Amino acid sequence: MKKLLCFSLLVFLYISLTGCGVLESKSNVPLEMVAYNSLSDEEKDLIPVSPKDSSVEKVAVSQEIISMMDEDYDKDEVYSVIFNNTESETSGNLVVFLDLDKETVVGKGFTSD
């Protein structure tokens, strides 16, 4: 009887925590926020409005962006998060590259405008 009660309590606790979002996975975090959270304070200061003022797309790894990425990254595609209005006189917009798992930052730099 104790085992049944204990099991029932565990099931109830799991359902309660899941319903409240305590056991929520990181994959529900928008990609632009994952990218923003990886930035240094100086890089965050470049963003004039909001991290939501960005463009996100899945792109093929090309020779143009490979120099901004980790050397060990060996997949053919990444997510590119470009923060708008971060360009300066000497560089383009700030860009962060995320792995297809949507959680791992694999590179960052500036676009070549």
C-alpha atoms as a PDB file:
ATOM      1  CA  MET A   1       0.000   0.000   0.000  1.00  0.00           C
ATOM      2  CA  LYS A   2       2.886   2.384   0.801  1.00  0.00           C
ATOM      3  CA  LYS A   3       4.418   1.742  -2.618  1.00  0.00           C
ATOM      4  CA  LEU A   4       1.176   2.633  -4.382  1.00  0.00           C
ATOM      5  CA  LEU A   5       0.804   5.802  -2.331  1.00  0.00           C
ATOM      6  CA  CYS A   6       4.426   6.788  -2.943  1.00  0.00           C
ATOM      7  CA  PHE A   7       4.129   6.126  -6.689  1.00  0.00           C
ATOM      8  CA  SER A   8       0.896   8.129  -6.881  1.00  0.00           C
ATOM      9  CA  LEU A   9       2.527  11.016  -5.053  1.00  0.00           C
ATOM     10  CA  LEU A  10       5.506  10.987  -7.438  1.00  0.00           C
ATOM     11  CA  VAL A  11       3.224  10.982 -10.497  1.00  0.00           C
ATOM     12  CA  PHE A  12       1.195  13.868  -9.042  1.00  0.00           C
ATOM     13  CA  LEU A  13       4.369  15.827  -8.258  1.00  0.00           C
ATOM     14  CA  TYR A  14       5.757  15.292 -11.762  1.00  0.00           C
ATOM     15  CA  ILE A  15       2.519  16.417 -13.402  1.00  0.00           C
ATOM     16  CA  SER A  16       2.342  19.454 -11.141  1.00  0.00           C
ATOM     17  CA  LEU A  17       5.921  20.534 -11.860  1.00  0.00           C
ATOM     18  CA  THR A  18       5.520  20.000 -15.589  1.00  0.00           C
ATOM     19  CA  GLY A  19       2.282  21.984 -15.618  1.00  0.00           C
ATOM     20  CA  CYS A  20       3.906  24.881 -13.781  1.00  0.00           C
ATOM     21  CA  GLY A  21       6.782  24.984 -16.246  1.00  0.00           C
ATOM     22  CA  VAL A  22       9.476  24.128 -13.668  1.00  0.00           C
ATOM     23  CA  LEU A  23      10.691  21.197 -15.764  1.00  0.00           C
ATOM     24  CA  GLU A  24      10.445  23.115 -19.021  1.00  0.00           C
ATOM     25  CA  SER A  25      13.298  22.556 -21.452  1.00  0.00           C
ATOM     26  CA  LYS A  26      15.568  25.316 -22.770  1.00  0.00           C
ATOM     27  CA  SER A  27      14.408  24.638 -26.309  1.00  0.00           C
ATOM     28  CA  ASN A  28      11.393  26.916 -25.747  1.00  0.00           C
ATOM     29  CA  VAL A  29      13.670  29.937 -25.455  1.00  0.00           C
ATOM     30  CA  PRO A  30      13.574  31.985 -28.692  1.00  0.00           C
ATOM     31  CA  LEU A  31      16.748  31.731 -30.740  1.00  0.00           C
ATOM     32  CA  GLU A  32      17.385  35.462 -30.575  1.00  0.00           C
ATOM     33  CA  MET A  33      17.385  35.276 -26.767  1.00  0.00           C
ATOM     34  CA  VAL A  34      19.801  32.318 -26.764  1.00  0.00           C
ATOM     35  CA  ALA A  35      22.087  34.377 -29.006  1.00  0.00           C
ATOM     36  CA  TYR A  36      21.650  37.532 -26.901  1.00  0.00           C
ATOM     37  CA  ASN A  37      22.479  35.698 -23.669  1.00  0.00           C
ATOM     38  CA  SER A  38      25.798  34.597 -25.189  1.00  0.00           C
ATOM     39  CA  LEU A  39      26.958  38.163 -25.819  1.00  0.00           C
ATOM     40  CA  SER A  40      29.415  40.121 -23.701  1.00  0.00           C
ATOM     41  CA  ASP A  41      28.259  43.338 -22.024  1.00  0.00           C
ATOM     42  CA  GLU A  42      30.028  45.385 -24.708  1.00  0.00           C
ATOM     43  CA  GLU A  43      28.262  43.455 -27.475  1.00  0.00           C
ATOM     44  CA  LYS A  44      24.899  43.839 -25.718  1.00  0.00           C
ATOM     45  CA  ASP A  45      25.478  47.603 -25.595  1.00  0.00           C
ATOM     46  CA  LEU A  46      25.575  47.629 -29.411  1.00  0.00           C
ATOM     47  CA  ILE A  47      21.909  46.614 -29.586  1.00  0.00           C
ATOM     48  CA  PRO A  48      19.945  49.889 -29.543  1.00  0.00           C
ATOM     49  CA  VAL A  49      16.402  48.610 -29.098  1.00  0.00           C
ATOM     50  CA  SER A  50      15.746  44.983 -28.250  1.00  0.00           C
ATOM     51  CA  PRO A  51      17.164  41.525 -28.985  1.00  0.00           C
ATOM     52  CA  LYS A  52      13.843  40.860 -30.733  1.00  0.00           C
ATOM     53  CA  ASP A  53      14.937  43.363 -33.401  1.00  0.00           C
ATOM     54  CA  SER A  54      16.850  40.657 -35.224  1.00  0.00           C
ATOM     55  CA  SER A  55      16.517  38.259 -38.092  1.00  0.00           C
ATOM     56  CA  VAL A  56      16.832  34.509 -37.676  1.00  0.00           C
ATOM     57  CA  GLU A  57      17.351  32.014 -40.459  1.00  0.00           C
ATOM     58  CA  LYS A  58      18.873  28.623 -41.114  1.00  0.00           C
ATOM     59  CA  VAL A  59      21.869  29.018 -43.413  1.00  0.00           C
ATOM     60  CA  ALA A  60      24.430  26.758 -45.030  1.00  0.00           C
ATOM     61  CA  VAL A  61      27.946  26.945 -43.621  1.00  0.00           C
ATOM     62  CA  SER A  62      29.922  28.795 -46.282  1.00  0.00           C
ATOM     63  CA  GLN A  63      33.493  29.999 -46.635  1.00  0.00           C
ATOM     64  CA  GLU A  64      32.264  33.499 -45.797  1.00  0.00           C
ATOM     65  CA  ILE A  65      31.041  32.542 -42.306  1.00  0.00           C
ATOM     66  CA  ILE A  66      33.344  29.645 -41.444  1.00  0.00           C
ATOM     67  CA  SER A  67      36.040  32.025 -40.181  1.00  0.00           C
ATOM     68  CA  MET A  68      33.632  33.296 -37.497  1.00  0.00           C
ATOM     69  CA  MET A  69      32.774  29.804 -36.233  1.00  0.00           C
ATOM     70  CA  ASP A  70      34.382  27.298 -33.883  1.00  0.00           C
ATOM     71  CA  GLU A  71      37.027  25.214 -35.623  1.00  0.00           C
ATOM     72  CA  ASP A  72      35.463  21.971 -34.381  1.00  0.00           C
ATOM     73  CA  TYR A  73      32.011  22.636 -35.842  1.00  0.00           C
ATOM     74  CA  ASP A  74      31.467  20.120 -38.624  1.00  0.00           C
ATOM     75  CA  LYS A  75      27.803  20.405 -39.613  1.00  0.00           C
ATOM     76  CA  ASP A  76      26.593  21.854 -42.897  1.00  0.00           C
ATOM     77  CA  GLU A  77      23.952  24.228 -41.486  1.00  0.00           C
ATOM     78  CA  VAL A  78      23.567  26.684 -38.616  1.00  0.00           C
ATOM     79  CA  TYR A  79      21.047  29.208 -37.389  1.00  0.00           C
ATOM     80  CA  SER A  80      22.144  32.768 -38.051  1.00  0.00           C
ATOM     81  CA  VAL A  81      20.849  35.489 -35.703  1.00  0.00           C
ATOM     82  CA  ILE A  82      21.621  38.954 -37.058  1.00  0.00           C
ATOM     83  CA  PHE A  83      20.989  41.828 -34.660  1.00  0.00           C
ATOM     84  CA  ASN A  84      19.694  44.758 -36.703  1.00  0.00           C
ATOM     85  CA  ASN A  85      21.033  48.296 -36.337  1.00  0.00           C
ATOM     86  CA  THR A  86      24.320  47.198 -34.741  1.00  0.00           C
ATOM     87  CA  GLU A  87      26.565  48.202 -37.639  1.00  0.00           C
ATOM     88  CA  SER A  88      29.300  50.765 -37.277  1.00  0.00           C
ATOM     89  CA  GLU A  89      31.462  52.669 -39.733  1.00  0.00           C
ATOM     90  CA  THR A  90      33.985  49.831 -39.746  1.00  0.00           C
ATOM     91  CA  SER A  91      31.820  46.704 -39.463  1.00  0.00           C
ATOM     92  CA  GLY A  92      28.436  45.271 -40.347  1.00  0.00           C
ATOM     93  CA  ASN A  93      25.710  43.971 -38.065  1.00  0.00           C
ATOM     94  CA  LEU A  94      26.473  41.673 -35.143  1.00  0.00           C
ATOM     95  CA  VAL A  95      25.715  38.042 -35.977  1.00  0.00           C
ATOM     96  CA  VAL A  96      25.627  34.940 -33.749  1.00  0.00           C
ATOM     97  CA  PHE A  97      25.625  31.391 -35.120  1.00  0.00           C
ATOM     98  CA  LEU A  98      23.744  28.645 -33.265  1.00  0.00           C
ATOM     99  CA  ASP A  99      23.928  24.893 -33.682  1.00  0.00           C
ATOM    100  CA  LEU A 100      20.846  23.098 -34.973  1.00  0.00           C
ATOM    101  CA  ASP A 101      20.125  22.031 -31.368  1.00  0.00           C
ATOM    102  CA  LYS A 102      19.040  25.683 -30.884  1.00  0.00           C
ATOM    103  CA  GLU A 103      21.042  25.976 -27.650  1.00  0.00           C
ATOM    104  CA  THR A 104      24.751  25.917 -28.518  1.00  0.00           C
ATOM    105  CA  VAL A 105      26.540  29.017 -29.796  1.00  0.00           C
ATOM    106  CA  VAL A 106      29.107  27.986 -32.407  1.00  0.00           C
ATOM    107  CA  GLY A 107      30.369  31.382 -33.490  1.00  0.00           C
ATOM    108  CA  LYS A 108      29.842  35.111 -33.745  1.00  0.00           C
ATOM    109  CA  GLY A 109      31.169  38.110 -35.573  1.00  0.00           C
ATOM    110  CA  PHE A 110      30.030  40.914 -37.857  1.00  0.00           C
ATOM    111  CA  THR A 111      28.446  40.731 -41.269  1.00  0.00           C
ATOM    112  CA  SER A 112      30.385  42.087 -44.203  1.00  0.00           C
ATOM    113  CA  ASP A 113      28.253  44.917 -45.532  1.00  0.00           C
END
